[in-house]
Amino acid sequence: MGIAIGLGYGINSYYTNLLATQQGSDVVYSVLDSDSDFKRNKIATHVLEVPFQFRWRNSTPEEYKFWRIYTGVKLGYVFDGRSKFVSNSEKIVFVNKDIRDFQYGLTLNVGYNTFNIHIYYALSSLFNDGVTGESGDLIEFKPLKVGLIFFIL
């Protein structure tokens, strides 16, 4: 058993049908319908991350294949967040000030030996409080990430 703290850098791309356009100093959000012809629509963030984990594993000094369960929280500071829309006729890219600077969520890594499942669930919304769409509805976008981690010892 142990406790771990770290420092990392994350690049995230959220592909979505939520179109962000800049109108003056404001950002307007609308939903792209299924008939829309576009190549890519995403929100990209660059994040400085600080994970804090409680760790359990059943390793021994002689055995390097073991089960592990790491759970904890991850704090993040978004130092660059952009919205990007690309179609055949136009390209819209801008720094999106509606993206929350400080983000946090829960993490879980479970696996055996090299292959491990990683889950992250954001407890904070990707957007600042009060950000609304064209219809006036609040936009509450909390990312869920599921993937594989490869630990090499």
N, C-alpha and C. Protein backbone atom coordinates (compact mmCIF):
# COMPACT_ATOMS: atom_id res chain seq x y z
N MET A 1 0.84 -1.18 0.00
CA MET A 1 0.00 0.00 0.00
C MET A 1 0.89 1.24 0.00
N GLY A 2 0.36 2.30 -0.58
CA GLY A 2 1.13 3.52 -0.61
C GLY A 2 0.29 4.71 -1.04
N ILE A 3 0.92 5.86 -0.97
CA ILE A 3 0.31 7.11 -1.42
C ILE A 3 1.26 7.71 -2.46
N ALA A 4 0.68 8.25 -3.53
CA ALA A 4 1.51 8.81 -4.60
C ALA A 4 0.97 10.18 -5.01
N ILE A 5 1.88 11.06 -5.38
CA ILE A 5 1.51 12.36 -5.96
C ILE A 5 2.38 12.53 -7.19
N GLY A 6 1.85 13.20 -8.19
CA GLY A 6 2.60 13.33 -9.43
C GLY A 6 2.38 14.67 -10.09
N LEU A 7 3.01 14.82 -11.22
CA LEU A 7 2.87 16.01 -12.05
C LEU A 7 2.86 15.55 -13.49
N GLY A 8 1.89 16.02 -14.26
CA GLY A 8 1.79 15.56 -15.64
C GLY A 8 1.26 16.64 -16.57
N TYR A 9 1.26 16.29 -17.83
CA TYR A 9 0.78 17.18 -18.89
C TYR A 9 -0.24 16.39 -19.70
N GLY A 10 -1.43 16.96 -19.87
CA GLY A 10 -2.47 16.27 -20.61
C GLY A 10 -2.94 17.08 -21.80
N ILE A 11 -3.17 16.38 -22.91
CA ILE A 11 -3.77 16.97 -24.11
C ILE A 11 -5.09 16.24 -24.32
N ASN A 12 -6.19 16.98 -24.33
CA ASN A 12 -7.50 16.38 -24.48
C ASN A 12 -8.21 16.95 -25.70
N SER A 13 -8.87 16.09 -26.45
CA SER A 13 -9.70 16.50 -27.58
C SER A 13 -11.09 15.93 -27.37
N TYR A 14 -12.07 16.82 -27.29
CA TYR A 14 -13.46 16.42 -27.11
C TYR A 14 -14.21 16.69 -28.41
N TYR A 15 -14.50 15.64 -29.16
CA TYR A 15 -15.23 15.77 -30.41
C TYR A 15 -16.72 15.79 -30.08
N THR A 16 -17.42 16.77 -30.61
CA THR A 16 -18.80 16.99 -30.20
C THR A 16 -19.62 17.60 -31.32
N ASN A 17 -20.93 17.59 -31.14
CA ASN A 17 -21.81 18.28 -32.09
C ASN A 17 -22.23 19.65 -31.55
N LEU A 18 -21.54 20.13 -30.51
CA LEU A 18 -21.79 21.45 -29.95
C LEU A 18 -20.86 22.46 -30.63
N LEU A 19 -21.40 23.24 -31.52
CA LEU A 19 -20.62 24.22 -32.27
C LEU A 19 -20.43 25.49 -31.45
N ALA A 20 -19.19 25.90 -31.28
CA ALA A 20 -18.86 27.14 -30.59
C ALA A 20 -18.39 28.15 -31.63
N THR A 21 -19.01 29.32 -31.63
CA THR A 21 -18.59 30.40 -32.52
C THR A 21 -18.38 31.65 -31.69
N GLN A 22 -17.43 32.44 -32.10
CA GLN A 22 -17.10 33.66 -31.37
C GLN A 22 -17.81 34.84 -32.03
N GLN A 23 -18.55 35.58 -31.23
CA GLN A 23 -19.25 36.78 -31.71
C GLN A 23 -18.85 37.93 -30.80
N GLY A 24 -17.87 38.70 -31.25
CA GLY A 24 -17.30 39.75 -30.42
C GLY A 24 -16.52 39.12 -29.29
N SER A 25 -16.83 39.50 -28.06
CA SER A 25 -16.14 38.91 -26.92
C SER A 25 -16.93 37.72 -26.34
N ASP A 26 -18.08 37.42 -26.91
CA ASP A 26 -18.92 36.31 -26.43
C ASP A 26 -18.72 35.07 -27.28
N VAL A 27 -19.01 33.91 -26.68
CA VAL A 27 -19.01 32.64 -27.40
C VAL A 27 -20.45 32.15 -27.42
N VAL A 28 -20.93 31.80 -28.61
CA VAL A 28 -22.30 31.31 -28.79
C VAL A 28 -22.22 29.83 -29.13
N TYR A 29 -23.07 29.03 -28.47
CA TYR A 29 -23.08 27.58 -28.66
C TYR A 29 -24.40 27.16 -29.32
N SER A 30 -24.27 26.33 -30.34
CA SER A 30 -25.45 25.78 -31.00
C SER A 30 -25.17 24.31 -31.33
N VAL A 31 -26.23 23.56 -31.48
CA VAL A 31 -26.10 22.13 -31.76
C VAL A 31 -26.11 21.92 -33.27
N LEU A 32 -25.11 21.20 -33.77
CA LEU A 32 -25.06 20.85 -35.19
C LEU A 32 -26.03 19.70 -35.44
N ASP A 33 -26.87 19.83 -36.44
CA ASP A 33 -27.79 18.73 -36.72
C ASP A 33 -27.09 17.64 -37.53
N SER A 34 -27.74 16.51 -37.65
CA SER A 34 -27.12 15.35 -38.29
C SER A 34 -26.88 15.57 -39.78
N ASP A 35 -27.53 16.56 -40.39
CA ASP A 35 -27.34 16.84 -41.82
C ASP A 35 -26.16 17.77 -42.08
N SER A 36 -25.56 18.31 -41.03
CA SER A 36 -24.45 19.24 -41.19
C SER A 36 -23.26 18.53 -41.83
N ASP A 37 -22.64 19.23 -42.78
CA ASP A 37 -21.49 18.67 -43.50
C ASP A 37 -20.22 19.34 -42.95
N PHE A 38 -19.54 18.63 -42.06
CA PHE A 38 -18.30 19.16 -41.49
C PHE A 38 -17.32 18.01 -41.31
N LYS A 39 -16.03 18.36 -41.27
CA LYS A 39 -14.98 17.35 -41.10
C LYS A 39 -14.67 17.12 -39.62
N ARG A 40 -14.65 18.23 -38.85
CA ARG A 40 -14.21 18.11 -37.47
C ARG A 40 -14.80 19.26 -36.65
N ASN A 41 -15.23 18.93 -35.45
CA ASN A 41 -15.70 19.93 -34.50
C ASN A 41 -15.26 19.46 -33.12
N LYS A 42 -14.38 20.21 -32.49
CA LYS A 42 -13.85 19.74 -31.22
C LYS A 42 -13.47 20.90 -30.30
N ILE A 43 -13.29 20.52 -29.05
CA ILE A 43 -12.73 21.40 -28.03
C ILE A 43 -11.43 20.73 -27.59
N ALA A 44 -10.33 21.46 -27.61
CA ALA A 44 -9.03 20.91 -27.25
C ALA A 44 -8.49 21.66 -26.04
N THR A 45 -7.93 20.91 -25.09
CA THR A 45 -7.34 21.55 -23.91
C THR A 45 -5.93 21.02 -23.68
N HIS A 46 -5.10 21.88 -23.15
CA HIS A 46 -3.76 21.52 -22.68
C HIS A 46 -3.78 21.78 -21.18
N VAL A 47 -3.45 20.74 -20.40
CA VAL A 47 -3.67 20.79 -18.96
C VAL A 47 -2.40 20.38 -18.21
N LEU A 48 -2.08 21.14 -17.17
CA LEU A 48 -1.06 20.75 -16.21
C LEU A 48 -1.79 19.98 -15.12
N GLU A 49 -1.41 18.71 -14.89
CA GLU A 49 -2.17 17.82 -14.01
C GLU A 49 -1.37 17.42 -12.77
N VAL A 50 -2.09 17.32 -11.65
CA VAL A 50 -1.49 16.85 -10.40
C VAL A 50 -2.39 15.73 -9.85
N PRO A 51 -1.97 14.46 -10.06
CA PRO A 51 -2.75 13.35 -9.51
C PRO A 51 -2.30 13.02 -8.08
N PHE A 52 -3.25 12.63 -7.27
CA PHE A 52 -2.99 12.17 -5.92
C PHE A 52 -3.70 10.83 -5.78
N GLN A 53 -2.94 9.75 -5.46
CA GLN A 53 -3.52 8.41 -5.48
C GLN A 53 -3.19 7.61 -4.22
N PHE A 54 -4.15 6.77 -3.85
CA PHE A 54 -3.92 5.70 -2.88
C PHE A 54 -3.65 4.46 -3.71
N ARG A 55 -2.58 3.74 -3.42
CA ARG A 55 -2.17 2.61 -4.26
C ARG A 55 -2.08 1.31 -3.46
N TRP A 56 -2.59 0.26 -4.08
CA TRP A 56 -2.46 -1.09 -3.53
C TRP A 56 -1.98 -2.00 -4.65
N ARG A 57 -1.03 -2.85 -4.34
CA ARG A 57 -0.60 -3.88 -5.28
C ARG A 57 -0.02 -5.05 -4.49
N ASN A 58 -0.04 -6.23 -5.09
CA ASN A 58 0.43 -7.42 -4.38
C ASN A 58 1.78 -7.90 -4.91
N SER A 59 2.69 -6.98 -5.15
CA SER A 59 4.02 -7.33 -5.64
C SER A 59 4.91 -7.80 -4.50
N THR A 60 5.96 -8.49 -4.88
CA THR A 60 7.00 -8.90 -3.93
C THR A 60 8.34 -8.49 -4.52
N PRO A 61 9.43 -8.52 -3.74
CA PRO A 61 10.74 -8.17 -4.30
C PRO A 61 11.18 -9.10 -5.43
N GLU A 62 10.64 -10.31 -5.49
CA GLU A 62 11.04 -11.27 -6.52
C GLU A 62 10.05 -11.34 -7.70
N GLU A 63 8.83 -10.91 -7.52
CA GLU A 63 7.79 -11.06 -8.53
C GLU A 63 7.37 -9.69 -9.08
N TYR A 64 7.49 -9.54 -10.40
CA TYR A 64 7.15 -8.27 -11.03
C TYR A 64 5.82 -8.30 -11.76
N LYS A 65 5.15 -9.44 -11.75
CA LYS A 65 3.79 -9.52 -12.29
C LYS A 65 2.85 -9.50 -11.11
N PHE A 66 2.00 -8.47 -11.05
CA PHE A 66 1.14 -8.32 -9.88
C PHE A 66 -0.12 -7.56 -10.24
N TRP A 67 -1.12 -7.70 -9.38
CA TRP A 67 -2.35 -6.93 -9.49
C TRP A 67 -2.14 -5.57 -8.85
N ARG A 68 -2.82 -4.56 -9.41
CA ARG A 68 -2.74 -3.22 -8.85
C ARG A 68 -4.12 -2.56 -8.88
N ILE A 69 -4.36 -1.76 -7.87
CA ILE A 69 -5.54 -0.89 -7.82
C ILE A 69 -5.05 0.46 -7.32
N TYR A 70 -5.17 1.48 -8.17
CA TYR A 70 -4.77 2.83 -7.81
C TYR A 70 -6.02 3.70 -7.93
N THR A 71 -6.38 4.39 -6.87
CA THR A 71 -7.55 5.26 -6.93
C THR A 71 -7.22 6.60 -6.28
N GLY A 72 -7.86 7.65 -6.77
CA GLY A 72 -7.57 8.96 -6.20
C GLY A 72 -8.26 10.08 -6.93
N VAL A 73 -7.66 11.26 -6.84
CA VAL A 73 -8.18 12.46 -7.49
C VAL A 73 -7.09 13.06 -8.38
N LYS A 74 -7.56 13.80 -9.37
CA LYS A 74 -6.62 14.51 -10.25
C LYS A 74 -7.09 15.95 -10.36
N LEU A 75 -6.18 16.88 -10.07
CA LEU A 75 -6.44 18.30 -10.22
C LEU A 75 -5.77 18.76 -11.50
N GLY A 76 -6.40 19.69 -12.20
CA GLY A 76 -5.81 20.15 -13.45
C GLY A 76 -5.98 21.65 -13.65
N TYR A 77 -4.96 22.26 -14.25
CA TYR A 77 -5.03 23.66 -14.63
C TYR A 77 -4.94 23.74 -16.15
N VAL A 78 -6.01 24.24 -16.78
CA VAL A 78 -6.05 24.38 -18.23
C VAL A 78 -5.36 25.68 -18.61
N PHE A 79 -4.21 25.55 -19.27
CA PHE A 79 -3.50 26.77 -19.67
C PHE A 79 -3.74 27.13 -21.13
N ASP A 80 -4.43 26.25 -21.87
CA ASP A 80 -4.83 26.57 -23.23
C ASP A 80 -6.07 25.74 -23.57
N GLY A 81 -7.14 26.42 -23.95
CA GLY A 81 -8.36 25.74 -24.36
C GLY A 81 -8.89 26.38 -25.63
N ARG A 82 -9.12 25.57 -26.66
CA ARG A 82 -9.54 26.11 -27.95
C ARG A 82 -10.73 25.35 -28.49
N SER A 83 -11.55 26.07 -29.24
CA SER A 83 -12.63 25.46 -30.01
C SER A 83 -12.21 25.46 -31.47
N LYS A 84 -12.53 24.35 -32.16
CA LYS A 84 -12.11 24.23 -33.56
C LYS A 84 -13.22 23.57 -34.36
N PHE A 85 -13.60 24.23 -35.45
CA PHE A 85 -14.59 23.71 -36.39
C PHE A 85 -13.98 23.74 -37.78
N VAL A 86 -14.04 22.62 -38.48
CA VAL A 86 -13.50 22.55 -39.84
C VAL A 86 -14.55 21.92 -40.75
N SER A 87 -14.86 22.63 -41.85
CA SER A 87 -15.75 22.09 -42.89
C SER A 87 -15.04 22.27 -44.22
N ASN A 88 -15.70 21.91 -45.31
CA ASN A 88 -15.10 22.09 -46.64
C ASN A 88 -14.93 23.57 -46.99
N SER A 89 -15.78 24.43 -46.43
CA SER A 89 -15.76 25.83 -46.82
C SER A 89 -15.14 26.78 -45.80
N GLU A 90 -15.00 26.34 -44.54
CA GLU A 90 -14.46 27.26 -43.54
C GLU A 90 -13.72 26.52 -42.42
N LYS A 91 -12.92 27.32 -41.70
CA LYS A 91 -12.19 26.81 -40.55
C LYS A 91 -12.27 27.88 -39.46
N ILE A 92 -12.81 27.49 -38.30
CA ILE A 92 -12.96 28.42 -37.18
C ILE A 92 -12.14 27.87 -36.02
N VAL A 93 -11.15 28.65 -35.57
CA VAL A 93 -10.33 28.26 -34.42
C VAL A 93 -10.16 29.49 -33.54
N PHE A 94 -10.42 29.34 -32.25
CA PHE A 94 -10.23 30.46 -31.34
C PHE A 94 -10.01 29.94 -29.92
N VAL A 95 -9.37 30.78 -29.09
CA VAL A 95 -9.18 30.47 -27.67
C VAL A 95 -10.53 30.66 -26.99
N ASN A 96 -11.02 29.59 -26.37
CA ASN A 96 -12.34 29.62 -25.76
C ASN A 96 -12.20 29.96 -24.26
N LYS A 97 -12.59 31.16 -23.90
CA LYS A 97 -12.48 31.63 -22.51
C LYS A 97 -13.56 31.04 -21.61
N ASP A 98 -14.54 30.33 -22.19
CA ASP A 98 -15.59 29.69 -21.39
C ASP A 98 -15.12 28.38 -20.75
N ILE A 99 -13.96 27.89 -21.14
CA ILE A 99 -13.45 26.64 -20.58
C ILE A 99 -12.90 26.92 -19.18
N ARG A 100 -13.31 26.10 -18.23
CA ARG A 100 -12.93 26.27 -16.82
C ARG A 100 -11.42 26.09 -16.68
N ASP A 101 -10.77 27.01 -15.97
CA ASP A 101 -9.32 26.95 -15.77
C ASP A 101 -8.91 25.80 -14.84
N PHE A 102 -9.62 25.65 -13.72
CA PHE A 102 -9.28 24.61 -12.74
C PHE A 102 -10.32 23.49 -12.82
N GLN A 103 -9.83 22.27 -13.04
CA GLN A 103 -10.70 21.11 -13.17
C GLN A 103 -10.24 20.02 -12.21
N TYR A 104 -11.17 19.15 -11.84
CA TYR A 104 -10.81 18.06 -10.93
C TYR A 104 -11.75 16.89 -11.14
N GLY A 105 -11.26 15.70 -10.79
CA GLY A 105 -12.07 14.51 -10.96
C GLY A 105 -11.47 13.31 -10.25
N LEU A 106 -12.17 12.18 -10.35
CA LEU A 106 -11.78 10.93 -9.72
C LEU A 106 -11.06 10.04 -10.72
N THR A 107 -10.07 9.29 -10.25
CA THR A 107 -9.34 8.36 -11.13
C THR A 107 -9.36 6.96 -10.53
N LEU A 108 -9.26 5.98 -11.43
CA LEU A 108 -9.15 4.58 -11.03
C LEU A 108 -8.32 3.85 -12.07
N ASN A 109 -7.27 3.17 -11.63
CA ASN A 109 -6.47 2.29 -12.49
C ASN A 109 -6.52 0.90 -11.88
N VAL A 110 -6.92 -0.08 -12.68
CA VAL A 110 -7.01 -1.46 -12.22
C VAL A 110 -6.40 -2.35 -13.29
N GLY A 111 -5.55 -3.30 -12.86
CA GLY A 111 -5.00 -4.20 -13.85
C GLY A 111 -4.01 -5.19 -13.29
N TYR A 112 -3.52 -6.00 -14.19
CA TYR A 112 -2.53 -7.02 -13.86
C TYR A 112 -1.32 -6.86 -14.76
N ASN A 113 -0.14 -6.81 -14.19
CA ASN A 113 1.12 -6.72 -14.90
C ASN A 113 1.16 -5.45 -15.75
N THR A 114 1.35 -5.57 -17.04
CA THR A 114 1.52 -4.41 -17.92
C THR A 114 0.21 -3.73 -18.28
N PHE A 115 -0.86 -4.50 -18.45
CA PHE A 115 -2.11 -3.96 -18.98
C PHE A 115 -3.06 -3.56 -17.87
N ASN A 116 -3.53 -2.32 -17.94
CA ASN A 116 -4.39 -1.77 -16.90
C ASN A 116 -5.48 -0.90 -17.52
N ILE A 117 -6.65 -0.93 -16.91
CA ILE A 117 -7.75 -0.07 -17.34
C ILE A 117 -7.67 1.22 -16.53
N HIS A 118 -7.84 2.33 -17.23
CA HIS A 118 -7.81 3.65 -16.59
C HIS A 118 -9.18 4.30 -16.78
N ILE A 119 -9.73 4.85 -15.69
CA ILE A 119 -11.00 5.57 -15.74
C ILE A 119 -10.81 6.91 -15.04
N TYR A 120 -11.30 7.97 -15.69
CA TYR A 120 -11.31 9.30 -15.08
C TYR A 120 -12.71 9.86 -15.25
N TYR A 121 -13.29 10.35 -14.17
CA TYR A 121 -14.60 11.01 -14.23
C TYR A 121 -14.45 12.41 -13.64
N ALA A 122 -14.76 13.41 -14.45
CA ALA A 122 -14.64 14.80 -14.00
C ALA A 122 -15.77 15.15 -13.05
N LEU A 123 -15.43 15.74 -11.92
CA LEU A 123 -16.43 16.24 -10.99
C LEU A 123 -16.79 17.69 -11.29
N SER A 124 -15.93 18.37 -12.01
CA SER A 124 -16.19 19.75 -12.41
C SER A 124 -16.57 19.75 -13.90
N SER A 125 -17.39 20.70 -14.27
CA SER A 125 -17.78 20.84 -15.66
C SER A 125 -16.61 21.36 -16.49
N LEU A 126 -16.57 20.99 -17.76
CA LEU A 126 -15.54 21.50 -18.66
C LEU A 126 -15.68 23.01 -18.84
N PHE A 127 -16.92 23.51 -18.75
CA PHE A 127 -17.18 24.93 -18.96
C PHE A 127 -17.41 25.65 -17.62
N ASN A 128 -17.18 26.94 -17.63
CA ASN A 128 -17.44 27.78 -16.46
C ASN A 128 -18.92 27.73 -16.09
N ASP A 129 -19.22 28.08 -14.85
CA ASP A 129 -20.61 28.16 -14.41
C ASP A 129 -21.34 29.24 -15.21
N GLY A 130 -22.59 28.95 -15.55
CA GLY A 130 -23.41 29.95 -16.24
C GLY A 130 -23.31 29.94 -17.75
N VAL A 131 -22.49 29.08 -18.34
CA VAL A 131 -22.39 29.02 -19.80
C VAL A 131 -23.64 28.33 -20.34
N THR A 132 -24.29 29.00 -21.29
CA THR A 132 -25.54 28.47 -21.84
C THR A 132 -25.46 28.33 -23.35
N GLY A 133 -26.34 27.49 -23.88
CA GLY A 133 -26.47 27.30 -25.32
C GLY A 133 -27.43 28.32 -25.90
N GLU A 134 -27.68 28.21 -27.19
CA GLU A 134 -28.59 29.13 -27.88
C GLU A 134 -29.98 29.12 -27.27
N SER A 135 -30.41 27.96 -26.81
CA SER A 135 -31.77 27.83 -26.26
C SER A 135 -31.85 28.33 -24.82
N GLY A 136 -30.72 28.70 -24.21
CA GLY A 136 -30.72 29.18 -22.85
C GLY A 136 -30.45 28.10 -21.82
N ASP A 137 -30.31 26.85 -22.26
CA ASP A 137 -30.02 25.75 -21.34
C ASP A 137 -28.56 25.81 -20.89
N LEU A 138 -28.33 25.52 -19.60
CA LEU A 138 -26.96 25.45 -19.09
C LEU A 138 -26.22 24.30 -19.74
N ILE A 139 -24.94 24.52 -20.05
CA ILE A 139 -24.11 23.47 -20.63
C ILE A 139 -23.30 22.86 -19.49
N GLU A 140 -23.63 21.63 -19.14
CA GLU A 140 -22.92 20.87 -18.10
C GLU A 140 -22.25 19.70 -18.79
N PHE A 141 -20.98 19.82 -19.08
CA PHE A 141 -20.23 18.81 -19.81
C PHE A 141 -19.15 18.28 -18.89
N LYS A 142 -19.36 17.06 -18.35
CA LYS A 142 -18.38 16.44 -17.45
C LYS A 142 -17.78 15.23 -18.14
N PRO A 143 -16.52 15.33 -18.55
CA PRO A 143 -15.88 14.25 -19.29
C PRO A 143 -15.75 12.95 -18.49
N LEU A 144 -15.89 11.85 -19.19
CA LEU A 144 -15.61 10.51 -18.70
C LEU A 144 -14.61 9.91 -19.66
N LYS A 145 -13.45 9.52 -19.15
CA LYS A 145 -12.40 8.93 -20.00
C LYS A 145 -12.19 7.48 -19.56
N VAL A 146 -12.14 6.59 -20.53
CA VAL A 146 -11.86 5.18 -20.28
C VAL A 146 -10.78 4.78 -21.27
N GLY A 147 -9.73 4.14 -20.79
CA GLY A 147 -8.66 3.75 -21.69
C GLY A 147 -7.75 2.72 -21.08
N LEU A 148 -6.67 2.45 -21.78
CA LEU A 148 -5.67 1.50 -21.32
C LEU A 148 -4.38 2.23 -20.95
N ILE A 149 -3.75 1.75 -19.89
CA ILE A 149 -2.42 2.23 -19.49
C ILE A 149 -1.49 1.03 -19.53
N PHE A 150 -0.30 1.26 -20.05
CA PHE A 150 0.70 0.22 -20.10
C PHE A 150 1.83 0.59 -19.15
N PHE A 151 1.99 -0.19 -18.08
CA PHE A 151 3.08 0.03 -17.14
C PHE A 151 4.25 -0.87 -17.53
N ILE A 152 5.41 -0.28 -17.72
CA ILE A 152 6.60 -1.03 -18.09
C ILE A 152 7.62 -0.85 -16.98
N LEU A 153 8.00 -1.95 -16.36
CA LEU A 153 8.97 -1.89 -15.26
C LEU A 153 10.34 -2.33 -15.72
